[in-house]
Amino acid sequence: MKRYCLTLDLKNDPQLIEEYKVHHEKVWPEIIESIRVSGILKMEIYLLSNRLCMIMETEDHFSFDEKGRMDQANPKVQAWEALMWQYQQALPFAQPGEKWMLMERVFEL
């Protein structure tokens, strides 16, 4: 099993942040399925102010590139991503088109 931590910001608007949270109380079933079939076993998203942190546990064969290809071919995932982008904003140092960015682990106990 592998573990990844990613981060992304939400737009700094309390109403939009609340709406984002509501969407995540009832994630579309097709999105849950796309997550599972990609090899993601567990996913959690945490929020502090407008900063998000996603922790993923995956099967050993999981690939971000393969997940990206699968997502590009899935119209429902594309619709979800477009909806979420209304609430999200790229980190200041992100490259064009980058959303969730992989964090580097600097300590483990």
PDB file of N, CA and C in Angstrom:
ATOM      1  N   MET A   1       0.846  -1.181   0.000  1.00  0.00           N
ATOM      2  CA  MET A   1       0.000   0.000   0.000  1.00  0.00           C
ATOM      3  C   MET A   1       0.890   1.242   0.000  1.00  0.00           C
ATOM      4  N   LYS A   2       0.451   2.252  -0.737  1.00  0.00           N
ATOM      5  CA  LYS A   2       1.143   3.534  -0.791  1.00  0.00           C
ATOM      6  C   LYS A   2       0.252   4.600  -0.157  1.00  0.00           C
ATOM      7  N   ARG A   3       0.880   5.657   0.340  1.00  0.00           N
ATOM      8  CA  ARG A   3       0.135   6.789   0.910  1.00  0.00           C
ATOM      9  C   ARG A   3       0.656   8.076   0.276  1.00  0.00           C
ATOM     10  N   TYR A   4      -0.301   8.932  -0.085  1.00  0.00           N
ATOM     11  CA  TYR A   4       0.038  10.214  -0.686  1.00  0.00           C
ATOM     12  C   TYR A   4      -0.702  11.320   0.049  1.00  0.00           C
ATOM     13  N   CYS A   5      -0.100  12.485   0.075  1.00  0.00           N
ATOM     14  CA  CYS A   5      -0.728  13.674   0.644  1.00  0.00           C
ATOM     15  C   CYS A   5      -0.662  14.763  -0.423  1.00  0.00           C
ATOM     16  N   LEU A   6      -1.810  15.363  -0.706  1.00  0.00           N
ATOM     17  CA  LEU A   6      -1.893  16.404  -1.730  1.00  0.00           C
ATOM     18  C   LEU A   6      -2.577  17.635  -1.128  1.00  0.00           C
ATOM     19  N   THR A   7      -2.344  18.784  -1.739  1.00  0.00           N
ATOM     20  CA  THR A   7      -2.949  20.003  -1.240  1.00  0.00           C
ATOM     21  C   THR A   7      -3.478  20.865  -2.382  1.00  0.00           C
ATOM     22  N   LEU A   8      -4.443  21.695  -2.042  1.00  0.00           N
ATOM     23  CA  LEU A   8      -5.091  22.606  -2.987  1.00  0.00           C
ATOM     24  C   LEU A   8      -5.830  23.648  -2.145  1.00  0.00           C
ATOM     25  N   ASP A   9      -6.027  24.812  -2.709  1.00  0.00           N
ATOM     26  CA  ASP A   9      -6.779  25.853  -2.011  1.00  0.00           C
ATOM     27  C   ASP A   9      -8.198  25.962  -2.563  1.00  0.00           C
ATOM     28  N   LEU A  10      -9.095  26.392  -1.691  1.00  0.00           N
ATOM     29  CA  LEU A  10     -10.427  26.821  -2.108  1.00  0.00           C
ATOM     30  C   LEU A  10     -10.405  28.337  -2.247  1.00  0.00           C
ATOM     31  N   LYS A  11     -11.333  28.871  -3.012  1.00  0.00           N
ATOM     32  CA  LYS A  11     -11.491  30.319  -3.063  1.00  0.00           C
ATOM     33  C   LYS A  11     -11.842  30.780  -1.655  1.00  0.00           C
ATOM     34  N   ASN A  12     -11.262  31.884  -1.239  1.00  0.00           N
ATOM     35  CA  ASN A  12     -11.420  32.346   0.139  1.00  0.00           C
ATOM     36  C   ASN A  12     -12.740  33.101   0.308  1.00  0.00           C
ATOM     37  N   ASP A  13     -13.824  32.333   0.233  1.00  0.00           N
ATOM     38  CA  ASP A  13     -15.174  32.866   0.336  1.00  0.00           C
ATOM     39  C   ASP A  13     -15.971  31.896   1.212  1.00  0.00           C
ATOM     40  N   PRO A  14     -16.388  32.320   2.403  1.00  0.00           N
ATOM     41  CA  PRO A  14     -17.065  31.408   3.332  1.00  0.00           C
ATOM     42  C   PRO A  14     -18.272  30.692   2.733  1.00  0.00           C
ATOM     43  N   GLN A  15     -19.057  31.363   1.906  1.00  0.00           N
ATOM     44  CA  GLN A  15     -20.229  30.716   1.304  1.00  0.00           C
ATOM     45  C   GLN A  15     -19.800  29.619   0.333  1.00  0.00           C
ATOM     46  N   LEU A  16     -18.790  29.898  -0.490  1.00  0.00           N
ATOM     47  CA  LEU A  16     -18.306  28.885  -1.432  1.00  0.00           C
ATOM     48  C   LEU A  16     -17.691  27.696  -0.690  1.00  0.00           C
ATOM     49  N   ILE A  17     -16.996  27.967   0.395  1.00  0.00           N
ATOM     50  CA  ILE A  17     -16.401  26.884   1.180  1.00  0.00           C
ATOM     51  C   ILE A  17     -17.491  25.987   1.747  1.00  0.00           C
ATOM     52  N   GLU A  18     -18.556  26.585   2.247  1.00  0.00           N
ATOM     53  CA  GLU A  18     -19.665  25.780   2.775  1.00  0.00           C
ATOM     54  C   GLU A  18     -20.317  24.950   1.675  1.00  0.00           C
ATOM     55  N   GLU A  19     -20.503  25.540   0.505  1.00  0.00           N
ATOM     56  CA  GLU A  19     -21.077  24.798  -0.608  1.00  0.00           C
ATOM     57  C   GLU A  19     -20.183  23.618  -0.989  1.00  0.00           C
ATOM     58  N   TYR A  20     -18.879  23.823  -1.000  1.00  0.00           N
ATOM     59  CA  TYR A  20     -17.925  22.756  -1.317  1.00  0.00           C
ATOM     60  C   TYR A  20     -18.081  21.609  -0.324  1.00  0.00           C
ATOM     61  N   LYS A  21     -18.192  21.949   0.945  1.00  0.00           N
ATOM     62  CA  LYS A  21     -18.373  20.924   1.973  1.00  0.00           C
ATOM     63  C   LYS A  21     -19.673  20.160   1.763  1.00  0.00           C
ATOM     64  N   VAL A  22     -20.745  20.846   1.417  1.00  0.00           N
ATOM     65  CA  VAL A  22     -22.033  20.189   1.172  1.00  0.00           C
ATOM     66  C   VAL A  22     -21.915  19.203   0.006  1.00  0.00           C
ATOM     67  N   HIS A  23     -21.236  19.593  -1.058  1.00  0.00           N
ATOM     68  CA  HIS A  23     -21.042  18.679  -2.195  1.00  0.00           C
ATOM     69  C   HIS A  23     -20.339  17.402  -1.746  1.00  0.00           C
ATOM     70  N   HIS A  24     -19.433  17.522  -0.797  1.00  0.00           N
ATOM     71  CA  HIS A  24     -18.674  16.348  -0.354  1.00  0.00           C
ATOM     72  C   HIS A  24     -19.422  15.497   0.665  1.00  0.00           C
ATOM     73  N   GLU A  25     -20.577  15.953   1.085  1.00  0.00           N
ATOM     74  CA  GLU A  25     -21.444  15.112   1.919  1.00  0.00           C
ATOM     75  C   GLU A  25     -22.210  14.110   1.063  1.00  0.00           C
ATOM     76  N   LYS A  26     -22.304  14.394  -0.229  1.00  0.00           N
ATOM     77  CA  LYS A  26     -23.028  13.504  -1.143  1.00  0.00           C
ATOM     78  C   LYS A  26     -22.329  13.469  -2.503  1.00  0.00           C
ATOM     79  N   VAL A  27     -21.133  12.920  -2.497  1.00  0.00           N
ATOM     80  CA  VAL A  27     -20.349  12.799  -3.727  1.00  0.00           C
ATOM     81  C   VAL A  27     -21.083  11.857  -4.678  1.00  0.00           C
ATOM     82  N   TRP A  28     -21.101  12.203  -5.937  1.00  0.00           N
ATOM     83  CA  TRP A  28     -21.789  11.401  -6.941  1.00  0.00           C
ATOM     84  C   TRP A  28     -21.261   9.967  -6.931  1.00  0.00           C
ATOM     85  N   PRO A  29     -22.121   8.980  -7.049  1.00  0.00           N
ATOM     86  CA  PRO A  29     -21.684   7.573  -7.036  1.00  0.00           C
ATOM     87  C   PRO A  29     -20.664   7.253  -8.128  1.00  0.00           C
ATOM     88  N   GLU A  30     -20.794   7.890  -9.283  1.00  0.00           N
ATOM     89  CA  GLU A  30     -19.844   7.654 -10.376  1.00  0.00           C
ATOM     90  C   GLU A  30     -18.443   8.131 -10.011  1.00  0.00           C
ATOM     91  N   ILE A  31     -18.368   9.154  -9.173  1.00  0.00           N
ATOM     92  CA  ILE A  31     -17.062   9.667  -8.743  1.00  0.00           C
ATOM     93  C   ILE A  31     -16.436   8.689  -7.756  1.00  0.00           C
ATOM     94  N   ILE A  32     -17.239   8.202  -6.823  1.00  0.00           N
ATOM     95  CA  ILE A  32     -16.750   7.202  -5.868  1.00  0.00           C
ATOM     96  C   ILE A  32     -16.239   5.977  -6.630  1.00  0.00           C
ATOM     97  N   GLU A  33     -16.989   5.525  -7.621  1.00  0.00           N
ATOM     98  CA  GLU A  33     -16.586   4.361  -8.405  1.00  0.00           C
ATOM     99  C   GLU A  33     -15.275   4.624  -9.147  1.00  0.00           C
ATOM    100  N   SER A  34     -15.136   5.805  -9.731  1.00  0.00           N
ATOM    101  CA  SER A  34     -13.906   6.124 -10.477  1.00  0.00           C
ATOM    102  C   SER A  34     -12.693   6.158  -9.543  1.00  0.00           C
ATOM    103  N   ILE A  35     -12.905   6.580  -8.323  1.00  0.00           N
ATOM    104  CA  ILE A  35     -11.825   6.590  -7.331  1.00  0.00           C
ATOM    105  C   ILE A  35     -11.420   5.156  -7.005  1.00  0.00           C
ATOM    106  N   ARG A  36     -12.407   4.337  -6.739  1.00  0.00           N
ATOM    107  CA  ARG A  36     -12.125   2.952  -6.342  1.00  0.00           C
ATOM    108  C   ARG A  36     -11.457   2.145  -7.445  1.00  0.00           C
ATOM    109  N   VAL A  37     -11.960   2.245  -8.691  1.00  0.00           N
ATOM    110  CA  VAL A  37     -11.399   1.431  -9.768  1.00  0.00           C
ATOM    111  C   VAL A  37      -9.984   1.847 -10.146  1.00  0.00           C
ATOM    112  N   SER A  38      -9.576   3.039  -9.752  1.00  0.00           N
ATOM    113  CA  SER A  38      -8.220   3.500 -10.063  1.00  0.00           C
ATOM    114  C   SER A  38      -7.170   2.913  -9.121  1.00  0.00           C
ATOM    115  N   GLY A  39      -7.635   2.270  -8.045  1.00  0.00           N
ATOM    116  CA  GLY A  39      -6.690   1.703  -7.088  1.00  0.00           C
ATOM    117  C   GLY A  39      -6.567   2.497  -5.800  1.00  0.00           C
ATOM    118  N   ILE A  40      -7.428   3.481  -5.615  1.00  0.00           N
ATOM    119  CA  ILE A  40      -7.442   4.239  -4.364  1.00  0.00           C
ATOM    120  C   ILE A  40      -8.307   3.483  -3.368  1.00  0.00           C
ATOM    121  N   LEU A  41      -7.723   3.119  -2.238  1.00  0.00           N
ATOM    122  CA  LEU A  41      -8.419   2.335  -1.223  1.00  0.00           C
ATOM    123  C   LEU A  41      -9.106   3.205  -0.182  1.00  0.00           C
ATOM    124  N   LYS A  42      -8.479   4.332   0.135  1.00  0.00           N
ATOM    125  CA  LYS A  42      -9.026   5.228   1.161  1.00  0.00           C
ATOM    126  C   LYS A  42      -8.627   6.647   0.788  1.00  0.00           C
ATOM    127  N   MET A  43      -9.569   7.571   0.973  1.00  0.00           N
ATOM    128  CA  MET A  43      -9.300   8.976   0.688  1.00  0.00           C
ATOM    129  C   MET A  43      -9.982   9.822   1.747  1.00  0.00           C
ATOM    130  N   GLU A  44      -9.244  10.782   2.258  1.00  0.00           N
ATOM    131  CA  GLU A  44      -9.782  11.742   3.211  1.00  0.00           C
ATOM    132  C   GLU A  44      -9.360  13.133   2.762  1.00  0.00           C
ATOM    133  N   ILE A  45     -10.245  14.112   2.949  1.00  0.00           N
ATOM    134  CA  ILE A  45      -9.915  15.505   2.661  1.00  0.00           C
ATOM    135  C   ILE A  45     -10.153  16.303   3.937  1.00  0.00           C
ATOM    136  N   TYR A  46      -9.143  17.076   4.318  1.00  0.00           N
ATOM    137  CA  TYR A  46      -9.214  17.931   5.494  1.00  0.00           C
ATOM    138  C   TYR A  46      -9.177  19.391   5.051  1.00  0.00           C
ATOM    139  N   LEU A  47      -9.766  20.255   5.858  1.00  0.00           N
ATOM    140  CA  LEU A  47      -9.881  21.673   5.532  1.00  0.00           C
ATOM    141  C   LEU A  47      -9.427  22.515   6.719  1.00  0.00           C
ATOM    142  N   LEU A  48      -8.602  23.522   6.436  1.00  0.00           N
ATOM    143  CA  LEU A  48      -8.233  24.548   7.408  1.00  0.00           C
ATOM    144  C   LEU A  48      -8.299  25.882   6.682  1.00  0.00           C
ATOM    145  N   SER A  49      -9.207  26.747   7.126  1.00  0.00           N
ATOM    146  CA  SER A  49      -9.463  28.007   6.447  1.00  0.00           C
ATOM    147  C   SER A  49      -9.869  27.679   5.011  1.00  0.00           C
ATOM    148  N   ASN A  50      -9.056  28.036   4.024  1.00  0.00           N
ATOM    149  CA  ASN A  50      -9.389  27.673   2.647  1.00  0.00           C
ATOM    150  C   ASN A  50      -8.363  26.692   2.055  1.00  0.00           C
ATOM    151  N   ARG A  51      -7.527  26.097   2.881  1.00  0.00           N
ATOM    152  CA  ARG A  51      -6.514  25.134   2.434  1.00  0.00           C
ATOM    153  C   ARG A  51      -7.024  23.714   2.634  1.00  0.00           C
ATOM    154  N   LEU A  52      -6.959  22.923   1.561  1.00  0.00           N
ATOM    155  CA  LEU A  52      -7.356  21.521   1.602  1.00  0.00           C
ATOM    156  C   LEU A  52      -6.127  20.627   1.663  1.00  0.00           C
ATOM    157  N   CYS A  53      -6.266  19.507   2.340  1.00  0.00           N
ATOM    158  CA  CYS A  53      -5.241  18.473   2.390  1.00  0.00           C
ATOM    159  C   CYS A  53      -5.936  17.137   2.150  1.00  0.00           C
ATOM    160  N   MET A  54      -5.485  16.418   1.120  1.00  0.00           N
ATOM    161  CA  MET A  54      -6.058  15.120   0.787  1.00  0.00           C
ATOM    162  C   MET A  54      -5.034  14.035   1.113  1.00  0.00           C
ATOM    163  N   ILE A  55      -5.483  13.025   1.838  1.00  0.00           N
ATOM    164  CA  ILE A  55      -4.646  11.867   2.134  1.00  0.00           C
ATOM    165  C   ILE A  55      -5.267  10.675   1.425  1.00  0.00           C
ATOM    166  N   MET A  56      -4.434   9.982   0.631  1.00  0.00           N
ATOM    167  CA  MET A  56      -4.897   8.831  -0.127  1.00  0.00           C
ATOM    168  C   MET A  56      -4.045   7.623   0.223  1.00  0.00           C
ATOM    169  N   GLU A  57      -4.703   6.499   0.426  1.00  0.00           N
ATOM    170  CA  GLU A  57      -4.019   5.224   0.532  1.00  0.00           C
ATOM    171  C   GLU A  57      -4.410   4.430  -0.698  1.00  0.00           C
ATOM    172  N   THR A  58      -3.407   3.873  -1.388  1.00  0.00           N
ATOM    173  CA  THR A  58      -3.653   3.233  -2.670  1.00  0.00           C
ATOM    174  C   THR A  58      -3.035   1.842  -2.726  1.00  0.00           C
ATOM    175  N   GLU A  59      -3.496   1.092  -3.706  1.00  0.00           N
ATOM    176  CA  GLU A  59      -2.852  -0.173  -4.018  1.00  0.00           C
ATOM    177  C   GLU A  59      -1.461   0.133  -4.569  1.00  0.00           C
ATOM    178  N   ASP A  60      -0.568  -0.830  -4.502  1.00  0.00           N
ATOM    179  CA  ASP A  60       0.806  -0.616  -4.946  1.00  0.00           C
ATOM    180  C   ASP A  60       0.902  -0.218  -6.413  1.00  0.00           C
ATOM    181  N   HIS A  61      -0.011  -0.698  -7.247  1.00  0.00           N
ATOM    182  CA  HIS A  61       0.055  -0.417  -8.683  1.00  0.00           C
ATOM    183  C   HIS A  61      -0.537   0.947  -9.061  1.00  0.00           C
ATOM    184  N   PHE A  62      -1.057   1.712  -8.112  1.00  0.00           N
ATOM    185  CA  PHE A  62      -1.703   2.986  -8.417  1.00  0.00           C
ATOM    186  C   PHE A  62      -0.747   3.907  -9.173  1.00  0.00           C
ATOM    187  N   SER A  63      -1.294   4.622 -10.155  1.00  0.00           N
ATOM    188  CA  SER A  63      -0.522   5.569 -10.952  1.00  0.00           C
ATOM    189  C   SER A  63      -1.334   6.845 -11.152  1.00  0.00           C
ATOM    190  N   PHE A  64      -0.747   7.994 -10.838  1.00  0.00           N
ATOM    191  CA  PHE A  64      -1.423   9.268 -11.088  1.00  0.00           C
ATOM    192  C   PHE A  64      -1.653   9.470 -12.583  1.00  0.00           C
ATOM    193  N   ASP A  65      -0.696   9.050 -13.401  1.00  0.00           N
ATOM    194  CA  ASP A  65      -0.858   9.190 -14.848  1.00  0.00           C
ATOM    195  C   ASP A  65      -2.045   8.373 -15.345  1.00  0.00           C
ATOM    196  N   GLU A  66      -2.150   7.131 -14.888  1.00  0.00           N
ATOM    197  CA  GLU A  66      -3.264   6.283 -15.309  1.00  0.00           C
ATOM    198  C   GLU A  66      -4.595   6.839 -14.796  1.00  0.00           C
ATOM    199  N   LYS A  67      -4.610   7.321 -13.561  1.00  0.00           N
ATOM    200  CA  LYS A  67      -5.832   7.924 -13.012  1.00  0.00           C
ATOM    201  C   LYS A  67      -6.235   9.127 -13.859  1.00  0.00           C
ATOM    202  N   GLY A  68      -5.267   9.925 -14.260  1.00  0.00           N
ATOM    203  CA  GLY A  68      -5.549  11.083 -15.103  1.00  0.00           C
ATOM    204  C   GLY A  68      -6.136  10.688 -16.446  1.00  0.00           C
ATOM    205  N   ARG A  69      -5.587   9.631 -17.062  1.00  0.00           N
ATOM    206  CA  ARG A  69      -6.119   9.155 -18.340  1.00  0.00           C
ATOM    207  C   ARG A  69      -7.554   8.647 -18.171  1.00  0.00           C
ATOM    208  N   MET A  70      -7.791   7.903 -17.101  1.00  0.00           N
ATOM    209  CA  MET A  70      -9.136   7.398 -16.842  1.00  0.00           C
ATOM    210  C   MET A  70     -10.118   8.550 -16.639  1.00  0.00           C
ATOM    211  N   ASP A  71      -9.698   9.555 -15.887  1.00  0.00           N
ATOM    212  CA  ASP A  71     -10.565  10.702 -15.609  1.00  0.00           C
ATOM    213  C   ASP A  71     -10.884  11.490 -16.878  1.00  0.00           C
ATOM    214  N   GLN A  72      -9.890  11.651 -17.751  1.00  0.00           N
ATOM    215  CA  GLN A  72     -10.101  12.391 -19.003  1.00  0.00           C
ATOM    216  C   GLN A  72     -11.139  11.702 -19.881  1.00  0.00           C
ATOM    217  N   ALA A  73     -11.211  10.378 -19.795  1.00  0.00           N
ATOM    218  CA  ALA A  73     -12.135   9.604 -20.624  1.00  0.00           C
ATOM    219  C   ALA A  73     -13.513   9.438 -19.990  1.00  0.00           C
ATOM    220  N   ASN A  74     -13.710   9.977 -18.799  1.00  0.00           N
ATOM    221  CA  ASN A  74     -14.955   9.775 -18.062  1.00  0.00           C
ATOM    222  C   ASN A  74     -15.735  11.100 -17.999  1.00  0.00           C
ATOM    223  N   PRO A  75     -16.818  11.241 -18.771  1.00  0.00           N
ATOM    224  CA  PRO A  75     -17.570  12.505 -18.787  1.00  0.00           C
ATOM    225  C   PRO A  75     -18.115  12.911 -17.415  1.00  0.00           C
ATOM    226  N   LYS A  76     -18.488  11.948 -16.602  1.00  0.00           N
ATOM    227  CA  LYS A  76     -19.025  12.282 -15.277  1.00  0.00           C
ATOM    228  C   LYS A  76     -17.922  12.873 -14.391  1.00  0.00           C
ATOM    229  N   VAL A  77     -16.717  12.304 -14.460  1.00  0.00           N
ATOM    230  CA  VAL A  77     -15.591  12.863 -13.695  1.00  0.00           C
ATOM    231  C   VAL A  77     -15.276  14.268 -14.198  1.00  0.00           C
ATOM    232  N   GLN A  78     -15.316  14.460 -15.507  1.00  0.00           N
ATOM    233  CA  GLN A  78     -15.056  15.790 -16.056  1.00  0.00           C
ATOM    234  C   GLN A  78     -16.098  16.807 -15.578  1.00  0.00           C
ATOM    235  N   ALA A  79     -17.357  16.382 -15.490  1.00  0.00           N
ATOM    236  CA  ALA A  79     -18.419  17.265 -14.990  1.00  0.00           C
ATOM    237  C   ALA A  79     -18.189  17.599 -13.518  1.00  0.00           C
ATOM    238  N   TRP A  80     -17.798  16.596 -12.719  1.00  0.00           N
ATOM    239  CA  TRP A  80     -17.510  16.817 -11.290  1.00  0.00           C
ATOM    240  C   TRP A  80     -16.334  17.788 -11.145  1.00  0.00           C
ATOM    241  N   GLU A  81     -15.286  17.565 -11.920  1.00  0.00           N
ATOM    242  CA  GLU A  81     -14.103  18.432 -11.838  1.00  0.00           C
ATOM    243  C   GLU A  81     -14.447  19.870 -12.213  1.00  0.00           C
ATOM    244  N   ALA A  82     -15.278  20.047 -13.225  1.00  0.00           N
ATOM    245  CA  ALA A  82     -15.704  21.398 -13.609  1.00  0.00           C
ATOM    246  C   ALA A  82     -16.511  22.049 -12.493  1.00  0.00           C
ATOM    247  N   LEU A  83     -17.377  21.277 -11.862  1.00  0.00           N
ATOM    248  CA  LEU A  83     -18.163  21.788 -10.735  1.00  0.00           C
ATOM    249  C   LEU A  83     -17.245  22.185  -9.578  1.00  0.00           C
ATOM    250  N   MET A  84     -16.295  21.316  -9.227  1.00  0.00           N
ATOM    251  CA  MET A  84     -15.400  21.590  -8.106  1.00  0.00           C
ATOM    252  C   MET A  84     -14.503  22.793  -8.371  1.00  0.00           C
ATOM    253  N   TRP A  85     -14.133  22.998  -9.641  1.00  0.00           N
ATOM    254  CA  TRP A  85     -13.242  24.111  -9.969  1.00  0.00           C
ATOM    255  C   TRP A  85     -13.920  25.459  -9.718  1.00  0.00           C
ATOM    256  N   GLN A  86     -15.239  25.478  -9.594  1.00  0.00           N
ATOM    257  CA  GLN A  86     -15.937  26.714  -9.230  1.00  0.00           C
ATOM    258  C   GLN A  86     -15.579  27.146  -7.801  1.00  0.00           C
ATOM    259  N   TYR A  87     -15.118  26.195  -6.996  1.00  0.00           N
ATOM    260  CA  TYR A  87     -14.794  26.447  -5.590  1.00  0.00           C
ATOM    261  C   TYR A  87     -13.286  26.462  -5.339  1.00  0.00           C
ATOM    262  N   GLN A  88     -12.538  25.789  -6.182  1.00  0.00           N
ATOM    263  CA  GLN A  88     -11.113  25.617  -5.969  1.00  0.00           C
ATOM    264  C   GLN A  88     -10.317  26.699  -6.691  1.00  0.00           C
ATOM    265  N   GLN A  89      -9.062  26.880  -6.221  1.00  0.00           N
ATOM    266  CA  GLN A  89      -8.124  27.741  -6.923  1.00  0.00           C
ATOM    267  C   GLN A  89      -6.735  27.126  -6.796  1.00  0.00           C
ATOM    268  N   ALA A  90      -5.966  27.282  -7.844  1.00  0.00           N
ATOM    269  CA  ALA A  90      -4.625  26.710  -7.853  1.00  0.00           C
ATOM    270  C   ALA A  90      -3.743  27.401  -6.820  1.00  0.00           C
ATOM    271  N   LEU A  91      -2.785  26.654  -6.315  1.00  0.00           N
ATOM    272  CA  LEU A  91      -1.789  27.250  -5.429  1.00  0.00           C
ATOM    273  C   LEU A  91      -0.965  28.261  -6.230  1.00  0.00           C
ATOM    274  N   PRO A  92      -0.428  29.282  -5.560  1.00  0.00           N
ATOM    275  CA  PRO A  92       0.266  30.351  -6.294  1.00  0.00           C
ATOM    276  C   PRO A  92       1.423  29.869  -7.175  1.00  0.00           C
ATOM    277  N   PHE A  93       2.057  28.789  -6.803  1.00  0.00           N
ATOM    278  CA  PHE A  93       3.229  28.294  -7.531  1.00  0.00           C
ATOM    279  C   PHE A  93       2.892  27.145  -8.483  1.00  0.00           C
ATOM    280  N   ALA A  94       1.607  26.840  -8.645  1.00  0.00           N
ATOM    281  CA  ALA A  94       1.187  25.753  -9.536  1.00  0.00           C
ATOM    282  C   ALA A  94       1.414  26.133 -11.000  1.00  0.00           C
ATOM    283  N   GLN A  95       1.703  25.123 -11.796  1.00  0.00           N
ATOM    284  CA  GLN A  95       1.809  25.317 -13.241  1.00  0.00           C
ATOM    285  C   GLN A  95       0.395  25.385 -13.829  1.00  0.00           C
ATOM    286  N   PRO A  96       0.233  25.988 -15.000  1.00  0.00           N
ATOM    287  CA  PRO A  96      -1.097  26.045 -15.622  1.00  0.00           C
ATOM    288  C   PRO A  96      -1.710  24.643 -15.721  1.00  0.00           C
ATOM    289  N   GLY A  97      -2.958  24.537 -15.277  1.00  0.00           N
ATOM    290  CA  GLY A  97      -3.669  23.265 -15.323  1.00  0.00           C
ATOM    291  C   GLY A  97      -3.469  22.384 -14.104  1.00  0.00           C
ATOM    292  N   GLU A  98      -2.519  22.713 -13.228  1.00  0.00           N
ATOM    293  CA  GLU A  98      -2.299  21.909 -12.017  1.00  0.00           C
ATOM    294  C   GLU A  98      -3.338  22.267 -10.971  1.00  0.00           C
ATOM    295  N   LYS A  99      -3.883  21.245 -10.355  1.00  0.00           N
ATOM    296  CA  LYS A  99      -4.827  21.432  -9.270  1.00  0.00           C
ATOM    297  C   LYS A  99      -4.216  20.868  -7.999  1.00  0.00           C
ATOM    298  N   TRP A 100      -4.646  19.667  -7.624  1.00  0.00           N
ATOM    299  CA  TRP A 100      -4.096  19.025  -6.439  1.00  0.00           C
ATOM    300  C   TRP A 100      -2.604  18.799  -6.647  1.00  0.00           C
ATOM    301  N   MET A 101      -1.794  19.220  -5.674  1.00  0.00           N
ATOM    302  CA  MET A 101      -0.344  19.088  -5.786  1.00  0.00           C
ATOM    303  C   MET A 101       0.170  18.143  -4.710  1.00  0.00           C
ATOM    304  N   LEU A 102       1.050  17.258  -5.126  1.00  0.00           N
ATOM    305  CA  LEU A 102       1.633  16.259  -4.236  1.00  0.00           C
ATOM    306  C   LEU A 102       2.570  16.934  -3.246  1.00  0.00           C
ATOM    307  N   MET A 103       2.394  16.605  -1.969  1.00  0.00           N
ATOM    308  CA  MET A 103       3.245  17.156  -0.923  1.00  0.00           C
ATOM    309  C   MET A 103       4.397  16.187  -0.628  1.00  0.00           C
ATOM    310  N   GLU A 104       5.490  16.720  -0.149  1.00  0.00           N
ATOM    311  CA  GLU A 104       6.646  15.934   0.227  1.00  0.00           C
ATOM    312  C   GLU A 104       6.592  15.629   1.717  1.00  0.00           C
ATOM    313  N   ARG A 105       6.767  14.360   2.060  1.00  0.00           N
ATOM    314  CA  ARG A 105       6.812  14.001   3.479  1.00  0.00           C
ATOM    315  C   ARG A 105       8.181  14.393   4.006  1.00  0.00           C
ATOM    316  N   VAL A 106       8.200  15.126   5.106  1.00  0.00           N
ATOM    317  CA  VAL A 106       9.466  15.551   5.698  1.00  0.00           C
ATOM    318  C   VAL A 106       9.702  14.937   7.070  1.00  0.00           C
ATOM    319  N   PHE A 107       8.702  14.211   7.597  1.00  0.00           N
ATOM    320  CA  PHE A 107       8.864  13.540   8.892  1.00  0.00           C
ATOM    321  C   PHE A 107       7.906  12.392   8.974  1.00  0.00           C
ATOM    322  N   GLU A 108       8.357  11.321   9.621  1.00  0.00           N
ATOM    323  CA  GLU A 108       7.511  10.166   9.888  1.00  0.00           C
ATOM    324  C   GLU A 108       7.915   9.580  11.217  1.00  0.00           C
ATOM    325  N   LEU A 109       6.942   9.226  12.059  1.00  0.00           N
ATOM    326  CA  LEU A 109       7.205   8.611  13.365  1.00  0.00           C
ATOM    327  C   LEU A 109       6.722   7.182  13.313  1.00  0.00           C
TER     328      LEU A 109
END
